[in-house]
Amino acid sequence: MTTPVFEELDYQSTPIGDISLRRRTEPKLEGKMVYEVKLDEDFLMSSLFTEAEIQLAKLGLDALSDDDDHSRQALDVIVGGLGLGYTAAAVLEHTTVRSLTVVELLQPVIDWHQRGLVPLGEQLHADSRCTLLAADFFSMAMSESGFFPATPSRKVHAVLLDIDHSPSHLLNAGNSAFYSETGLQKLAARLQPGGIFGLWSDDAPDSAFTRLLDKVFESSTTHVVRFANPYTGGESANTIYLARNAAKSGR
């Protein structure tokens, strides 16, 4: 009989709480190794549930591929939130991606990847297109200099965000300004014409947030991503919001 494994790989204090990385075997899945991240006592992510994180990248970049203006372009992408790296890795599967900048607030999370403590760390670290940036996504998105202070006018083709639990369930109350008409307008200004903003949410679709997206962007769609939950024996679901920037500035 295999001895169950439980190991805390790292524990660090950060400005928003104590963050920890651990791995363990999951008896419900024949001893499969699972990686988990906690912020204080709040579970942030698990390698058991990654389908929606992957779909955030796939749906977002597929939306660009459907647009003739972007289908053959070399794409520049921003991912807000590194986590265990599943969104970033899915972005890099697209051969049209020229550059990926992953903006992560917590340096320990970047360190996990650079030290190879998480399964996708070495893969991301080895890809020359990928930059892991220790910074506050929300501050950069709403600043005058944007995501590239040395070239403030630089715009990207897609911004994919997976940081807060949902637009109304925030890890940090200070993020709330972003989920407003003004905040989203500033984000839209960082996108190329016809560019895509994608957002992961742990909550069911929120019609009020969809109306806000439609007010700021040319159009939006909502996707419910369902996946098996071994703990309940049924399904769970996350939501992916996609919003397309106006084809020309000055909507």
C-alpha atoms as a PDB file:
ATOM      1  CA  MET A   1       0.000   0.000   0.000  1.00  0.00           C
ATOM      2  CA  THR A   2       1.396   3.383  -1.021  1.00  0.00           C
ATOM      3  CA  THR A   3       2.017   5.808   1.817  1.00  0.00           C
ATOM      4  CA  PRO A   4       0.080   9.065   1.287  1.00  0.00           C
ATOM      5  CA  VAL A   5       2.273  12.077   0.604  1.00  0.00           C
ATOM      6  CA  PHE A   6       1.742  15.559   1.997  1.00  0.00           C
ATOM      7  CA  GLU A   7       4.513  18.106   1.670  1.00  0.00           C
ATOM      8  CA  GLU A   8       4.622  21.868   2.092  1.00  0.00           C
ATOM      9  CA  LEU A   9       7.055  23.042  -0.570  1.00  0.00           C
ATOM     10  CA  ASP A  10       7.131  26.710   0.362  1.00  0.00           C
ATOM     11  CA  TYR A  11       5.579  29.177   2.816  1.00  0.00           C
ATOM     12  CA  GLN A  12       6.106  32.923   2.530  1.00  0.00           C
ATOM     13  CA  SER A  13       4.661  36.099   4.014  1.00  0.00           C
ATOM     14  CA  THR A  14       3.475  38.613   1.427  1.00  0.00           C
ATOM     15  CA  PRO A  15       1.831  42.058   1.577  1.00  0.00           C
ATOM     16  CA  ILE A  16      -1.603  40.445   1.093  1.00  0.00           C
ATOM     17  CA  GLY A  17      -1.161  37.439   3.392  1.00  0.00           C
ATOM     18  CA  ASP A  18       0.797  34.236   3.905  1.00  0.00           C
ATOM     19  CA  ILE A  19       1.043  32.133   0.770  1.00  0.00           C
ATOM     20  CA  SER A  20       1.917  28.453   0.703  1.00  0.00           C
ATOM     21  CA  LEU A  21       2.555  25.809  -1.928  1.00  0.00           C
ATOM     22  CA  ARG A  22       1.976  22.181  -1.117  1.00  0.00           C
ATOM     23  CA  ARG A  23       1.691  18.878  -2.907  1.00  0.00           C
ATOM     24  CA  ARG A  24      -0.107  15.755  -1.846  1.00  0.00           C
ATOM     25  CA  THR A  25      -1.444  12.499  -3.182  1.00  0.00           C
ATOM     26  CA  GLU A  26      -5.193  12.340  -3.810  1.00  0.00           C
ATOM     27  CA  PRO A  27      -6.750   9.014  -2.714  1.00  0.00           C
ATOM     28  CA  LYS A  28      -9.862   9.623  -4.837  1.00  0.00           C
ATOM     29  CA  LEU A  29      -7.656   9.623  -7.942  1.00  0.00           C
ATOM     30  CA  GLU A  30      -5.516   6.564  -7.227  1.00  0.00           C
ATOM     31  CA  GLY A  31      -2.787   8.552  -5.547  1.00  0.00           C
ATOM     32  CA  LYS A  32      -2.388  11.226  -8.249  1.00  0.00           C
ATOM     33  CA  MET A  33      -0.071  14.035  -7.157  1.00  0.00           C
ATOM     34  CA  VAL A  34      -1.931  17.322  -6.639  1.00  0.00           C
ATOM     35  CA  TYR A  35      -0.399  20.786  -6.234  1.00  0.00           C
ATOM     36  CA  GLU A  36      -2.322  23.374  -4.209  1.00  0.00           C
ATOM     37  CA  VAL A  37      -1.847  27.048  -3.336  1.00  0.00           C
ATOM     38  CA  LYS A  38      -3.338  28.753  -0.292  1.00  0.00           C
ATOM     39  CA  LEU A  39      -3.399  32.410   0.727  1.00  0.00           C
ATOM     40  CA  ASP A  40      -3.819  32.393   4.490  1.00  0.00           C
ATOM     41  CA  GLU A  41      -6.696  29.884   4.881  1.00  0.00           C
ATOM     42  CA  ASP A  42      -8.174  30.559   1.430  1.00  0.00           C
ATOM     43  CA  PHE A  43      -7.573  27.995  -1.333  1.00  0.00           C
ATOM     44  CA  LEU A  44      -6.458  29.858  -4.448  1.00  0.00           C
ATOM     45  CA  MET A  45      -5.883  27.057  -6.913  1.00  0.00           C
ATOM     46  CA  SER A  46      -5.363  23.352  -7.400  1.00  0.00           C
ATOM     47  CA  SER A  47      -3.849  21.312 -10.206  1.00  0.00           C
ATOM     48  CA  LEU A  48      -7.009  19.180 -10.002  1.00  0.00           C
ATOM     49  CA  PHE A  49      -9.116  21.965 -11.490  1.00  0.00           C
ATOM     50  CA  THR A  50      -7.383  23.600 -14.439  1.00  0.00           C
ATOM     51  CA  GLU A  51      -9.819  23.237 -17.352  1.00  0.00           C
ATOM     52  CA  ALA A  52     -11.238  26.747 -17.130  1.00  0.00           C
ATOM     53  CA  GLU A  53      -7.768  28.292 -16.732  1.00  0.00           C
ATOM     54  CA  ILE A  54      -6.723  26.537 -19.934  1.00  0.00           C
ATOM     55  CA  GLN A  55      -9.951  27.550 -21.688  1.00  0.00           C
ATOM     56  CA  LEU A  56      -9.323  31.184 -20.762  1.00  0.00           C
ATOM     57  CA  ALA A  57      -6.306  31.066 -23.093  1.00  0.00           C
ATOM     58  CA  LYS A  58      -7.870  28.862 -25.753  1.00  0.00           C
ATOM     59  CA  LEU A  59     -11.135  30.785 -26.028  1.00  0.00           C
ATOM     60  CA  GLY A  60      -9.374  34.137 -25.932  1.00  0.00           C
ATOM     61  CA  LEU A  61      -6.824  33.344 -28.619  1.00  0.00           C
ATOM     62  CA  ASP A  62      -9.325  31.421 -30.729  1.00  0.00           C
ATOM     63  CA  ALA A  63     -11.435  34.591 -30.765  1.00  0.00           C
ATOM     64  CA  LEU A  64      -8.456  36.418 -32.241  1.00  0.00           C
ATOM     65  CA  SER A  65      -7.912  33.629 -34.781  1.00  0.00           C
ATOM     66  CA  ASP A  66     -11.503  34.061 -35.947  1.00  0.00           C
ATOM     67  CA  ASP A  67     -10.722  37.683 -36.806  1.00  0.00           C
ATOM     68  CA  ASP A  68      -9.057  38.019 -40.220  1.00  0.00           C
ATOM     69  CA  ASP A  69      -7.179  41.109 -39.027  1.00  0.00           C
ATOM     70  CA  HIS A  70      -5.405  39.053 -36.328  1.00  0.00           C
ATOM     71  CA  SER A  71      -5.396  35.470 -37.627  1.00  0.00           C
ATOM     72  CA  ARG A  72      -1.997  35.801 -39.301  1.00  0.00           C
ATOM     73  CA  GLN A  73      -0.416  38.331 -36.966  1.00  0.00           C
ATOM     74  CA  ALA A  74       2.358  37.667 -34.472  1.00  0.00           C
ATOM     75  CA  LEU A  75       0.467  38.114 -31.218  1.00  0.00           C
ATOM     76  CA  ASP A  76       1.521  39.866 -28.014  1.00  0.00           C
ATOM     77  CA  VAL A  77      -0.343  38.674 -24.922  1.00  0.00           C
ATOM     78  CA  ILE A  78      -0.598  39.714 -21.276  1.00  0.00           C
ATOM     79  CA  VAL A  79      -1.696  37.238 -18.611  1.00  0.00           C
ATOM     80  CA  GLY A  80      -2.664  38.669 -15.251  1.00  0.00           C
ATOM     81  CA  GLY A  81      -1.865  36.135 -12.526  1.00  0.00           C
ATOM     82  CA  LEU A  82       0.669  33.322 -12.848  1.00  0.00           C
ATOM     83  CA  GLY A  83      -0.634  30.772 -10.350  1.00  0.00           C
ATOM     84  CA  LEU A  84       0.374  27.245 -11.346  1.00  0.00           C
ATOM     85  CA  GLY A  85       0.949  28.405 -14.919  1.00  0.00           C
ATOM     86  CA  TYR A  86      -1.813  26.615 -16.822  1.00  0.00           C
ATOM     87  CA  THR A  87      -3.153  29.708 -18.609  1.00  0.00           C
ATOM     88  CA  ALA A  88       0.345  30.809 -19.574  1.00  0.00           C
ATOM     89  CA  ALA A  89       1.266  27.354 -20.888  1.00  0.00           C
ATOM     90  CA  ALA A  90      -1.931  27.220 -22.960  1.00  0.00           C
ATOM     91  CA  VAL A  91      -1.119  30.637 -24.467  1.00  0.00           C
ATOM     92  CA  LEU A  92       2.315  29.400 -25.504  1.00  0.00           C
ATOM     93  CA  GLU A  93       0.792  26.429 -27.327  1.00  0.00           C
ATOM     94  CA  HIS A  94      -0.376  28.913 -29.964  1.00  0.00           C
ATOM     95  CA  THR A  95       2.389  29.220 -32.532  1.00  0.00           C
ATOM     96  CA  THR A  96       1.174  32.701 -33.510  1.00  0.00           C
ATOM     97  CA  VAL A  97       2.117  34.081 -30.061  1.00  0.00           C
ATOM     98  CA  ARG A  98       5.215  36.261 -30.365  1.00  0.00           C
ATOM     99  CA  SER A  99       5.438  37.389 -26.745  1.00  0.00           C
ATOM    100  CA  LEU A 100       3.772  36.591 -23.451  1.00  0.00           C
ATOM    101  CA  THR A 101       4.163  38.744 -20.361  1.00  0.00           C
ATOM    102  CA  VAL A 102       2.762  37.206 -17.178  1.00  0.00           C
ATOM    103  CA  VAL A 103       2.176  39.838 -14.499  1.00  0.00           C
ATOM    104  CA  GLU A 104       2.256  38.334 -11.010  1.00  0.00           C
ATOM    105  CA  LEU A 105       2.026  40.373  -7.806  1.00  0.00           C
ATOM    106  CA  LEU A 106       3.710  37.820  -5.537  1.00  0.00           C
ATOM    107  CA  GLN A 107       7.411  37.156  -6.067  1.00  0.00           C
ATOM    108  CA  PRO A 108       7.244  33.761  -4.278  1.00  0.00           C
ATOM    109  CA  VAL A 109       4.912  32.466  -7.018  1.00  0.00           C
ATOM    110  CA  ILE A 110       7.443  33.453  -9.690  1.00  0.00           C
ATOM    111  CA  ASP A 111      10.187  31.834  -7.618  1.00  0.00           C
ATOM    112  CA  TRP A 112       8.275  28.526  -7.565  1.00  0.00           C
ATOM    113  CA  HIS A 113       8.366  28.423 -11.347  1.00  0.00           C
ATOM    114  CA  GLN A 114      11.978  29.490 -11.660  1.00  0.00           C
ATOM    115  CA  ARG A 115      13.022  26.881  -9.069  1.00  0.00           C
ATOM    116  CA  GLY A 116      10.995  24.126 -10.747  1.00  0.00           C
ATOM    117  CA  LEU A 117       8.786  23.542  -7.706  1.00  0.00           C
ATOM    118  CA  VAL A 118       5.631  23.361  -9.827  1.00  0.00           C
ATOM    119  CA  PRO A 119       5.061  21.039 -12.813  1.00  0.00           C
ATOM    120  CA  LEU A 120       4.987  23.727 -15.529  1.00  0.00           C
ATOM    121  CA  GLY A 121       7.785  25.896 -14.121  1.00  0.00           C
ATOM    122  CA  GLU A 122      10.627  24.601 -16.257  1.00  0.00           C
ATOM    123  CA  GLN A 123       8.465  24.674 -19.388  1.00  0.00           C
ATOM    124  CA  LEU A 124       7.569  28.344 -18.947  1.00  0.00           C
ATOM    125  CA  HIS A 125      11.081  29.311 -17.881  1.00  0.00           C
ATOM    126  CA  ALA A 126      12.578  27.662 -20.972  1.00  0.00           C
ATOM    127  CA  ASP A 127      10.301  29.422 -23.488  1.00  0.00           C
ATOM    128  CA  SER A 128      12.044  32.564 -24.730  1.00  0.00           C
ATOM    129  CA  ARG A 129       8.705  34.156 -25.601  1.00  0.00           C
ATOM    130  CA  CYS A 130       7.642  34.161 -21.948  1.00  0.00           C
ATOM    131  CA  THR A 131       8.484  36.848 -19.383  1.00  0.00           C
ATOM    132  CA  LEU A 132       7.437  36.545 -15.735  1.00  0.00           C
ATOM    133  CA  LEU A 133       7.043  40.039 -14.316  1.00  0.00           C
ATOM    134  CA  ALA A 134       6.714  40.743 -10.586  1.00  0.00           C
ATOM    135  CA  ALA A 135       4.246  43.658 -10.526  1.00  0.00           C
ATOM    136  CA  ASP A 136       0.678  44.662  -9.709  1.00  0.00           C
ATOM    137  CA  PHE A 137      -1.463  43.893 -12.759  1.00  0.00           C
ATOM    138  CA  PHE A 138      -4.223  46.291 -11.691  1.00  0.00           C
ATOM    139  CA  SER A 139      -1.860  49.208 -11.124  1.00  0.00           C
ATOM    140  CA  MET A 140      -0.233  48.661 -14.493  1.00  0.00           C
ATOM    141  CA  ALA A 141      -3.531  48.263 -16.340  1.00  0.00           C
ATOM    142  CA  MET A 142      -4.819  51.564 -14.953  1.00  0.00           C
ATOM    143  CA  SER A 143      -1.588  53.569 -15.134  1.00  0.00           C
ATOM    144  CA  GLU A 144      -0.599  56.077 -17.794  1.00  0.00           C
ATOM    145  CA  SER A 145       2.423  53.962 -18.759  1.00  0.00           C
ATOM    146  CA  GLY A 146       0.506  50.688 -19.038  1.00  0.00           C
ATOM    147  CA  PHE A 147       2.222  47.296 -19.062  1.00  0.00           C
ATOM    148  CA  PHE A 148       5.423  48.565 -20.714  1.00  0.00           C
ATOM    149  CA  PRO A 149       6.650  51.712 -18.918  1.00  0.00           C
ATOM    150  CA  ALA A 150       9.597  52.091 -21.306  1.00  0.00           C
ATOM    151  CA  THR A 151       7.176  52.188 -24.275  1.00  0.00           C
ATOM    152  CA  PRO A 152       3.850  53.485 -22.890  1.00  0.00           C
ATOM    153  CA  SER A 153       2.156  53.523 -26.290  1.00  0.00           C
ATOM    154  CA  ARG A 154       2.694  49.784 -26.831  1.00  0.00           C
ATOM    155  CA  LYS A 155      -0.532  47.796 -27.107  1.00  0.00           C
ATOM    156  CA  VAL A 156      -1.199  44.060 -27.012  1.00  0.00           C
ATOM    157  CA  HIS A 157      -3.606  41.759 -28.792  1.00  0.00           C
ATOM    158  CA  ALA A 158      -5.025  40.013 -25.725  1.00  0.00           C
ATOM    159  CA  VAL A 159      -5.182  40.496 -21.960  1.00  0.00           C
ATOM    160  CA  LEU A 160      -6.241  37.386 -20.040  1.00  0.00           C
ATOM    161  CA  LEU A 161      -6.962  37.866 -16.335  1.00  0.00           C
ATOM    162  CA  ASP A 162      -7.178  35.243 -13.596  1.00  0.00           C
ATOM    163  CA  ILE A 163      -6.482  36.835 -10.209  1.00  0.00           C
ATOM    164  CA  ASP A 164      -9.669  37.479  -8.239  1.00  0.00           C
ATOM    165  CA  HIS A 165     -12.282  34.819  -7.543  1.00  0.00           C
ATOM    166  CA  SER A 166     -14.764  36.880  -9.572  1.00  0.00           C
ATOM    167  CA  PRO A 167     -15.503  40.544 -10.405  1.00  0.00           C
ATOM    168  CA  SER A 168     -17.399  40.812  -7.110  1.00  0.00           C
ATOM    169  CA  HIS A 169     -15.349  38.398  -4.955  1.00  0.00           C
ATOM    170  CA  LEU A 170     -11.920  39.997  -4.731  1.00  0.00           C
ATOM    171  CA  LEU A 171      -8.677  38.846  -3.162  1.00  0.00           C
ATOM    172  CA  ASN A 172      -7.869  42.465  -2.381  1.00  0.00           C
ATOM    173  CA  ALA A 173     -10.476  45.201  -1.987  1.00  0.00           C
ATOM    174  CA  GLY A 174      -8.098  47.587  -3.737  1.00  0.00           C
ATOM    175  CA  ASN A 175      -8.730  45.750  -7.009  1.00  0.00           C
ATOM    176  CA  SER A 176     -12.336  46.957  -7.137  1.00  0.00           C
ATOM    177  CA  ALA A 177     -11.544  50.109  -9.132  1.00  0.00           C
ATOM    178  CA  PHE A 178     -10.527  47.955 -12.085  1.00  0.00           C
ATOM    179  CA  TYR A 179     -13.974  46.339 -12.337  1.00  0.00           C
ATOM    180  CA  SER A 180     -15.652  49.640 -13.196  1.00  0.00           C
ATOM    181  CA  GLU A 181     -16.389  51.484 -16.397  1.00  0.00           C
ATOM    182  CA  THR A 182     -13.340  53.700 -15.912  1.00  0.00           C
ATOM    183  CA  GLY A 183     -11.056  50.802 -15.037  1.00  0.00           C
ATOM    184  CA  LEU A 184     -12.124  48.710 -18.015  1.00  0.00           C
ATOM    185  CA  GLN A 185     -11.814  51.714 -20.331  1.00  0.00           C
ATOM    186  CA  LYS A 186      -8.191  52.070 -19.278  1.00  0.00           C
ATOM    187  CA  LEU A 187      -7.644  48.370 -19.946  1.00  0.00           C
ATOM    188  CA  ALA A 188      -9.299  48.686 -23.366  1.00  0.00           C
ATOM    189  CA  ALA A 189      -6.836  51.472 -24.195  1.00  0.00           C
ATOM    190  CA  ARG A 190      -4.022  48.912 -23.745  1.00  0.00           C
ATOM    191  CA  LEU A 191      -5.511  46.621 -26.389  1.00  0.00           C
ATOM    192  CA  GLN A 192      -5.015  46.698 -30.117  1.00  0.00           C
ATOM    193  CA  PRO A 193      -8.142  47.510 -32.168  1.00  0.00           C
ATOM    194  CA  GLY A 194     -10.208  44.331 -32.171  1.00  0.00           C
ATOM    195  CA  GLY A 195      -8.152  42.947 -29.282  1.00  0.00           C
ATOM    196  CA  ILE A 196      -9.559  40.583 -26.653  1.00  0.00           C
ATOM    197  CA  PHE A 197      -9.991  40.916 -22.908  1.00  0.00           C
ATOM    198  CA  GLY A 198     -10.644  37.598 -21.173  1.00  0.00           C
ATOM    199  CA  LEU A 199     -11.546  37.046 -17.524  1.00  0.00           C
ATOM    200  CA  TRP A 200     -11.808  33.868 -15.445  1.00  0.00           C
ATOM    201  CA  SER A 201     -14.445  33.774 -12.694  1.00  0.00           C
ATOM    202  CA  ASP A 202     -15.275  31.159 -10.090  1.00  0.00           C
ATOM    203  CA  ASP A 203     -18.862  32.425  -9.925  1.00  0.00           C
ATOM    204  CA  ALA A 204     -21.816  31.880 -12.236  1.00  0.00           C
ATOM    205  CA  PRO A 205     -22.279  34.422 -15.066  1.00  0.00           C
ATOM    206  CA  ASP A 206     -23.044  37.888 -13.739  1.00  0.00           C
ATOM    207  CA  SER A 207     -25.430  39.838 -15.976  1.00  0.00           C
ATOM    208  CA  ALA A 208     -24.441  43.151 -14.380  1.00  0.00           C
ATOM    209  CA  PHE A 209     -20.797  42.576 -15.280  1.00  0.00           C
ATOM    210  CA  THR A 210     -21.751  41.510 -18.804  1.00  0.00           C
ATOM    211  CA  ARG A 211     -23.682  44.765 -19.232  1.00  0.00           C
ATOM    212  CA  LEU A 212     -20.597  46.645 -18.065  1.00  0.00           C
ATOM    213  CA  LEU A 213     -18.413  44.844 -20.605  1.00  0.00           C
ATOM    214  CA  ASP A 214     -20.893  45.672 -23.363  1.00  0.00           C
ATOM    215  CA  LYS A 215     -20.801  49.314 -22.330  1.00  0.00           C
ATOM    216  CA  VAL A 216     -17.025  49.539 -22.633  1.00  0.00           C
ATOM    217  CA  PHE A 217     -16.214  47.074 -25.424  1.00  0.00           C
ATOM    218  CA  GLU A 218     -17.576  46.453 -28.896  1.00  0.00           C
ATOM    219  CA  SER A 219     -19.079  43.121 -27.846  1.00  0.00           C
ATOM    220  CA  SER A 220     -18.834  40.390 -25.227  1.00  0.00           C
ATOM    221  CA  THR A 221     -19.604  36.701 -24.781  1.00  0.00           C
ATOM    222  CA  THR A 222     -19.896  34.482 -21.723  1.00  0.00           C
ATOM    223  CA  HIS A 223     -18.766  30.848 -21.592  1.00  0.00           C
ATOM    224  CA  VAL A 224     -19.561  28.363 -18.823  1.00  0.00           C
ATOM    225  CA  VAL A 225     -16.785  25.756 -18.571  1.00  0.00           C
ATOM    226  CA  ARG A 226     -17.836  22.527 -16.859  1.00  0.00           C
ATOM    227  CA  PHE A 227     -15.461  19.906 -15.474  1.00  0.00           C
ATOM    228  CA  ALA A 228     -15.560  16.779 -13.363  1.00  0.00           C
ATOM    229  CA  ASN A 229     -15.285  17.200  -9.592  1.00  0.00           C
ATOM    230  CA  PRO A 230     -13.963  14.043  -7.893  1.00  0.00           C
ATOM    231  CA  TYR A 231     -14.984  15.331  -4.465  1.00  0.00           C
ATOM    232  CA  THR A 232     -18.670  15.664  -5.329  1.00  0.00           C
ATOM    233  CA  GLY A 233     -18.824  12.934  -7.945  1.00  0.00           C
ATOM    234  CA  GLY A 234     -20.505  15.428 -10.261  1.00  0.00           C
ATOM    235  CA  GLU A 235     -19.584  18.561 -12.177  1.00  0.00           C
ATOM    236  CA  SER A 236     -18.388  22.001 -11.216  1.00  0.00           C
ATOM    237  CA  ALA A 237     -18.239  25.080 -13.415  1.00  0.00           C
ATOM    238  CA  ASN A 238     -16.333  28.316 -13.910  1.00  0.00           C
ATOM    239  CA  THR A 239     -17.146  31.271 -16.122  1.00  0.00           C
ATOM    240  CA  ILE A 240     -15.023  32.836 -18.858  1.00  0.00           C
ATOM    241  CA  TYR A 241     -15.920  36.344 -20.034  1.00  0.00           C
ATOM    242  CA  LEU A 242     -14.558  37.545 -23.376  1.00  0.00           C
ATOM    243  CA  ALA A 243     -14.840  41.111 -24.607  1.00  0.00           C
ATOM    244  CA  ARG A 244     -13.673  42.442 -27.983  1.00  0.00           C
ATOM    245  CA  ASN A 245     -12.214  45.904 -28.289  1.00  0.00           C
ATOM    246  CA  ALA A 246     -13.628  48.245 -30.886  1.00  0.00           C
ATOM    247  CA  ALA A 247     -12.061  47.715 -34.300  1.00  0.00           C
ATOM    248  CA  LYS A 248     -11.163  51.405 -34.354  1.00  0.00           C
ATOM    249  CA  SER A 249     -10.374  53.642 -31.415  1.00  0.00           C
ATOM    250  CA  GLY A 250     -12.918  56.150 -30.236  1.00  0.00           C
ATOM    251  CA  ARG A 251     -15.955  53.944 -29.788  1.00  0.00           C
END
